Amino acid sequence: AGDVPMLVDFSGRRAIRFRTAAGAWVNNIDVSHALAGLSAAQFALHQNADGAVALALSPEALDDAPVALAALTGLLGDVPIRVEPIAGDDKVLQYSSDLAGGSTG
């Protein structure tokens, strides 16, 4: 009613879910909270169809890998996690999954 600001034709990001070692699903928001303490300005997390996870960190943040691995293991359980540097200055898709049921949008 009246002149109230509102968003029109707003499209948010797709929610991505990650499967834990126990078979439960966690939302990408939970991953964001788990990795909030990282100094990384940029990271990406991808879950392969076999359930293994790849965490890409900006090269200057690779020293944060042990903290990130501990946080992800606490969230996802005993899933294989590989850490790799983000190549170049490219913008990355922060969350992605090849698992059936990983994308909710």
N, C-alpha and C. Protein backbone atom coordinates (compact mmCIF):
# COMPACT_ATOMS: atom_id res chain seq x y z
N ALA A 1 0.85 -1.18 0.00
CA ALA A 1 0.00 0.00 0.00
C ALA A 1 0.88 1.23 0.00
N GLY A 2 0.69 2.09 -0.95
CA GLY A 2 1.48 3.31 -1.02
C GLY A 2 2.82 3.07 -1.70
N ASP A 3 3.75 3.96 -1.40
CA ASP A 3 5.08 3.90 -2.02
C ASP A 3 6.03 3.06 -1.17
N VAL A 4 5.84 1.76 -1.20
CA VAL A 4 6.68 0.84 -0.44
C VAL A 4 7.68 0.20 -1.40
N PRO A 5 8.98 0.29 -1.10
CA PRO A 5 9.95 -0.34 -1.98
C PRO A 5 9.74 -1.86 -2.02
N MET A 6 9.92 -2.44 -3.19
CA MET A 6 9.81 -3.89 -3.32
C MET A 6 10.68 -4.37 -4.48
N LEU A 7 11.04 -5.62 -4.40
CA LEU A 7 11.80 -6.26 -5.47
C LEU A 7 10.83 -6.79 -6.51
N VAL A 8 11.12 -6.56 -7.76
CA VAL A 8 10.28 -7.03 -8.85
C VAL A 8 11.13 -7.89 -9.77
N ASP A 9 10.58 -9.02 -10.23
CA ASP A 9 11.29 -9.95 -11.10
C ASP A 9 12.64 -10.35 -10.51
N PHE A 10 12.64 -10.64 -9.23
CA PHE A 10 13.86 -11.03 -8.53
C PHE A 10 14.09 -12.52 -8.71
N SER A 11 15.29 -12.88 -9.10
CA SER A 11 15.66 -14.29 -9.24
C SER A 11 16.86 -14.56 -8.35
N GLY A 12 16.67 -15.38 -7.36
CA GLY A 12 17.77 -15.74 -6.47
C GLY A 12 18.54 -16.92 -7.03
N ARG A 13 19.59 -17.28 -6.33
CA ARG A 13 20.37 -18.45 -6.73
C ARG A 13 19.60 -19.72 -6.39
N ARG A 14 19.84 -20.75 -7.19
CA ARG A 14 19.28 -22.06 -6.89
C ARG A 14 19.86 -22.56 -5.58
N ALA A 15 19.04 -23.18 -4.78
CA ALA A 15 19.55 -23.83 -3.58
C ALA A 15 20.23 -25.13 -4.00
N ILE A 16 21.39 -25.36 -3.45
CA ILE A 16 22.14 -26.59 -3.72
C ILE A 16 22.24 -27.36 -2.42
N ARG A 17 22.01 -28.67 -2.50
CA ARG A 17 22.13 -29.52 -1.32
C ARG A 17 23.32 -30.45 -1.50
N PHE A 18 23.94 -30.77 -0.38
CA PHE A 18 25.07 -31.70 -0.36
C PHE A 18 24.70 -32.89 0.50
N ARG A 19 25.03 -34.09 0.00
CA ARG A 19 24.71 -35.32 0.73
C ARG A 19 25.82 -35.65 1.71
N THR A 20 25.45 -35.92 2.93
CA THR A 20 26.42 -36.29 3.95
C THR A 20 26.79 -37.76 3.82
N ALA A 21 27.81 -38.17 4.57
CA ALA A 21 28.21 -39.58 4.57
C ALA A 21 27.08 -40.48 5.06
N ALA A 22 26.22 -39.94 5.92
CA ALA A 22 25.10 -40.71 6.47
C ALA A 22 23.89 -40.72 5.53
N GLY A 23 23.97 -39.99 4.41
CA GLY A 23 22.87 -39.97 3.45
C GLY A 23 21.88 -38.84 3.65
N ALA A 24 22.08 -38.00 4.67
CA ALA A 24 21.21 -36.84 4.88
C ALA A 24 21.64 -35.71 3.94
N TRP A 25 20.78 -34.73 3.78
CA TRP A 25 21.08 -33.58 2.94
C TRP A 25 21.33 -32.36 3.81
N VAL A 26 22.32 -31.54 3.41
CA VAL A 26 22.52 -30.24 4.04
C VAL A 26 22.47 -29.18 2.94
N ASN A 27 21.94 -28.04 3.28
CA ASN A 27 21.76 -26.94 2.34
C ASN A 27 23.05 -26.14 2.20
N ASN A 28 23.22 -25.47 1.07
CA ASN A 28 24.41 -24.64 0.87
C ASN A 28 24.52 -23.53 1.91
N ILE A 29 23.43 -23.12 2.50
CA ILE A 29 23.47 -22.11 3.57
C ILE A 29 24.26 -22.68 4.77
N ASP A 30 24.04 -23.96 5.07
CA ASP A 30 24.78 -24.59 6.16
C ASP A 30 26.27 -24.64 5.86
N VAL A 31 26.62 -24.86 4.60
CA VAL A 31 28.02 -24.85 4.19
C VAL A 31 28.60 -23.45 4.36
N SER A 32 27.84 -22.43 3.97
CA SER A 32 28.31 -21.06 4.13
C SER A 32 28.61 -20.75 5.60
N HIS A 33 27.72 -21.19 6.48
CA HIS A 33 27.94 -20.96 7.91
C HIS A 33 29.17 -21.72 8.40
N ALA A 34 29.34 -22.95 7.94
CA ALA A 34 30.49 -23.76 8.38
C ALA A 34 31.81 -23.15 7.92
N LEU A 35 31.82 -22.51 6.76
CA LEU A 35 33.06 -21.95 6.21
C LEU A 35 33.19 -20.45 6.46
N ALA A 36 32.32 -19.89 7.26
CA ALA A 36 32.31 -18.44 7.50
C ALA A 36 33.62 -17.93 8.09
N GLY A 37 34.35 -18.74 8.82
CA GLY A 37 35.58 -18.29 9.46
C GLY A 37 36.79 -18.25 8.56
N LEU A 38 36.63 -18.68 7.32
CA LEU A 38 37.77 -18.68 6.40
C LEU A 38 38.15 -17.26 5.98
N SER A 39 39.43 -17.08 5.72
CA SER A 39 39.87 -15.78 5.21
C SER A 39 39.72 -15.71 3.70
N ALA A 40 39.31 -16.79 3.07
CA ALA A 40 39.17 -16.85 1.62
C ALA A 40 38.14 -15.85 1.12
N ALA A 41 38.56 -15.04 0.17
CA ALA A 41 37.63 -14.11 -0.45
C ALA A 41 36.73 -14.84 -1.44
N GLN A 42 37.18 -16.00 -1.90
CA GLN A 42 36.45 -16.74 -2.92
C GLN A 42 36.67 -18.23 -2.70
N PHE A 43 35.60 -19.00 -2.79
CA PHE A 43 35.72 -20.46 -2.75
C PHE A 43 34.56 -21.06 -3.52
N ALA A 44 34.72 -22.33 -3.87
CA ALA A 44 33.65 -23.06 -4.55
C ALA A 44 33.63 -24.48 -4.00
N LEU A 45 32.44 -25.04 -3.88
CA LEU A 45 32.29 -26.40 -3.40
C LEU A 45 31.44 -27.16 -4.40
N HIS A 46 31.94 -28.32 -4.82
CA HIS A 46 31.23 -29.15 -5.80
C HIS A 46 31.18 -30.58 -5.28
N GLN A 47 30.01 -31.22 -5.39
CA GLN A 47 29.91 -32.63 -5.03
C GLN A 47 29.71 -33.44 -6.30
N ASN A 48 30.60 -34.39 -6.51
CA ASN A 48 30.54 -35.26 -7.68
C ASN A 48 29.42 -36.29 -7.53
N ALA A 49 29.09 -36.95 -8.61
CA ALA A 49 28.03 -37.96 -8.60
C ALA A 49 28.34 -39.11 -7.66
N ASP A 50 29.62 -39.37 -7.38
CA ASP A 50 29.99 -40.45 -6.46
C ASP A 50 29.98 -40.00 -5.00
N GLY A 51 29.63 -38.74 -4.73
CA GLY A 51 29.56 -38.21 -3.37
C GLY A 51 30.81 -37.50 -2.89
N ALA A 52 31.92 -37.67 -3.62
CA ALA A 52 33.16 -36.98 -3.25
C ALA A 52 32.98 -35.48 -3.47
N VAL A 53 33.71 -34.70 -2.68
CA VAL A 53 33.57 -33.24 -2.70
C VAL A 53 34.89 -32.61 -3.11
N ALA A 54 34.81 -31.56 -3.92
CA ALA A 54 35.99 -30.76 -4.28
C ALA A 54 35.78 -29.34 -3.76
N LEU A 55 36.72 -28.88 -2.96
CA LEU A 55 36.70 -27.52 -2.44
C LEU A 55 37.78 -26.74 -3.15
N ALA A 56 37.40 -25.70 -3.86
CA ALA A 56 38.36 -24.85 -4.54
C ALA A 56 38.51 -23.55 -3.74
N LEU A 57 39.75 -23.22 -3.41
CA LEU A 57 40.05 -22.02 -2.65
C LEU A 57 40.90 -21.09 -3.49
N SER A 58 40.76 -19.79 -3.24
CA SER A 58 41.64 -18.84 -3.91
C SER A 58 43.07 -19.17 -3.47
N PRO A 59 44.06 -19.03 -4.36
CA PRO A 59 45.43 -19.43 -4.05
C PRO A 59 45.96 -18.84 -2.75
N GLU A 60 45.62 -17.59 -2.45
CA GLU A 60 46.12 -16.98 -1.22
C GLU A 60 45.45 -17.55 0.03
N ALA A 61 44.38 -18.32 -0.13
CA ALA A 61 43.67 -18.90 1.02
C ALA A 61 43.95 -20.38 1.21
N LEU A 62 44.86 -20.96 0.44
CA LEU A 62 45.13 -22.39 0.58
C LEU A 62 45.64 -22.77 1.96
N ASP A 63 46.21 -21.80 2.69
CA ASP A 63 46.64 -22.09 4.07
C ASP A 63 45.45 -22.38 4.98
N ASP A 64 44.24 -21.98 4.55
CA ASP A 64 43.02 -22.24 5.31
C ASP A 64 42.48 -23.66 5.08
N ALA A 65 43.12 -24.43 4.22
CA ALA A 65 42.60 -25.75 3.86
C ALA A 65 42.36 -26.65 5.07
N PRO A 66 43.27 -26.74 6.04
CA PRO A 66 42.99 -27.62 7.19
C PRO A 66 41.75 -27.20 7.98
N VAL A 67 41.54 -25.90 8.15
CA VAL A 67 40.36 -25.41 8.86
C VAL A 67 39.11 -25.71 8.04
N ALA A 68 39.19 -25.50 6.74
CA ALA A 68 38.05 -25.77 5.86
C ALA A 68 37.71 -27.26 5.85
N LEU A 69 38.72 -28.10 5.78
CA LEU A 69 38.49 -29.55 5.79
C LEU A 69 37.82 -29.99 7.09
N ALA A 70 38.29 -29.46 8.21
CA ALA A 70 37.69 -29.80 9.50
C ALA A 70 36.22 -29.36 9.55
N ALA A 71 35.94 -28.15 9.06
CA ALA A 71 34.57 -27.65 9.07
C ALA A 71 33.66 -28.49 8.18
N LEU A 72 34.15 -28.84 6.99
CA LEU A 72 33.34 -29.64 6.08
C LEU A 72 33.15 -31.06 6.59
N THR A 73 34.17 -31.63 7.19
CA THR A 73 34.04 -32.98 7.75
C THR A 73 33.03 -32.97 8.90
N GLY A 74 33.05 -31.91 9.71
CA GLY A 74 32.08 -31.79 10.78
C GLY A 74 30.65 -31.70 10.25
N LEU A 75 30.48 -31.12 9.08
CA LEU A 75 29.16 -30.96 8.49
C LEU A 75 28.73 -32.17 7.66
N LEU A 76 29.66 -32.68 6.85
CA LEU A 76 29.32 -33.74 5.89
C LEU A 76 29.67 -35.15 6.34
N GLY A 77 30.50 -35.24 7.37
CA GLY A 77 30.94 -36.56 7.80
C GLY A 77 32.12 -37.01 6.97
N ASP A 78 32.33 -38.30 6.91
CA ASP A 78 33.52 -38.89 6.29
C ASP A 78 33.35 -39.09 4.78
N VAL A 79 33.13 -37.98 4.07
CA VAL A 79 33.10 -38.05 2.60
C VAL A 79 34.49 -37.63 2.10
N PRO A 80 34.94 -38.18 0.99
CA PRO A 80 36.24 -37.75 0.44
C PRO A 80 36.17 -36.28 0.03
N ILE A 81 37.16 -35.50 0.48
CA ILE A 81 37.22 -34.08 0.15
C ILE A 81 38.59 -33.76 -0.43
N ARG A 82 38.60 -33.17 -1.61
CA ARG A 82 39.84 -32.75 -2.28
C ARG A 82 39.87 -31.23 -2.28
N VAL A 83 41.03 -30.67 -1.96
CA VAL A 83 41.20 -29.22 -2.00
C VAL A 83 42.06 -28.88 -3.21
N GLU A 84 41.65 -27.86 -3.93
CA GLU A 84 42.39 -27.43 -5.11
C GLU A 84 42.35 -25.91 -5.21
N PRO A 85 43.33 -25.31 -5.87
CA PRO A 85 43.29 -23.86 -6.03
C PRO A 85 42.32 -23.46 -7.14
N ILE A 86 41.72 -22.31 -6.99
CA ILE A 86 40.91 -21.74 -8.07
C ILE A 86 41.89 -21.26 -9.12
N ALA A 87 41.66 -21.66 -10.35
CA ALA A 87 42.55 -21.30 -11.45
C ALA A 87 42.23 -19.90 -11.95
N GLY A 88 43.23 -19.06 -12.01
CA GLY A 88 43.07 -17.72 -12.58
C GLY A 88 42.20 -16.82 -11.74
N ASP A 89 41.74 -15.76 -12.36
CA ASP A 89 40.91 -14.77 -11.68
C ASP A 89 39.44 -14.95 -12.05
N ASP A 90 39.10 -16.15 -12.52
CA ASP A 90 37.74 -16.38 -12.97
C ASP A 90 36.75 -16.33 -11.82
N LYS A 91 35.55 -15.88 -12.12
CA LYS A 91 34.45 -15.96 -11.18
C LYS A 91 34.00 -17.42 -11.17
N VAL A 92 33.73 -17.95 -10.00
CA VAL A 92 33.36 -19.36 -9.90
C VAL A 92 31.91 -19.49 -9.47
N LEU A 93 31.31 -20.61 -9.83
CA LEU A 93 30.00 -20.97 -9.33
C LEU A 93 30.23 -21.50 -7.92
N GLN A 94 29.73 -20.80 -6.91
CA GLN A 94 30.11 -21.11 -5.54
C GLN A 94 29.69 -22.51 -5.11
N TYR A 95 28.49 -22.94 -5.46
CA TYR A 95 28.01 -24.26 -5.06
C TYR A 95 27.45 -24.99 -6.27
N SER A 96 27.80 -26.27 -6.38
CA SER A 96 27.28 -27.09 -7.47
C SER A 96 27.30 -28.55 -7.05
N SER A 97 26.50 -29.35 -7.72
CA SER A 97 26.41 -30.77 -7.41
C SER A 97 26.00 -31.56 -8.64
N ASP A 98 26.62 -32.73 -8.80
CA ASP A 98 26.23 -33.65 -9.86
C ASP A 98 25.29 -34.74 -9.34
N LEU A 99 24.99 -34.71 -8.05
CA LEU A 99 24.11 -35.72 -7.46
C LEU A 99 22.66 -35.48 -7.84
N ALA A 100 21.95 -36.57 -8.11
CA ALA A 100 20.50 -36.47 -8.28
C ALA A 100 19.93 -35.96 -6.96
N GLY A 101 19.16 -34.90 -7.01
CA GLY A 101 18.59 -34.34 -5.79
C GLY A 101 19.44 -33.23 -5.19
N GLY A 102 20.61 -32.96 -5.79
CA GLY A 102 21.49 -31.92 -5.26
C GLY A 102 21.02 -30.52 -5.56
N SER A 103 20.27 -30.36 -6.63
CA SER A 103 19.74 -29.03 -6.99
C SER A 103 18.26 -29.02 -6.68
N THR A 104 17.84 -27.99 -5.97
CA THR A 104 16.42 -27.91 -5.60
C THR A 104 15.68 -26.85 -6.40
N GLY A 105 16.30 -26.35 -7.45
CA GLY A 105 15.63 -25.29 -8.20
C GLY A 105 15.49 -25.54 -9.63
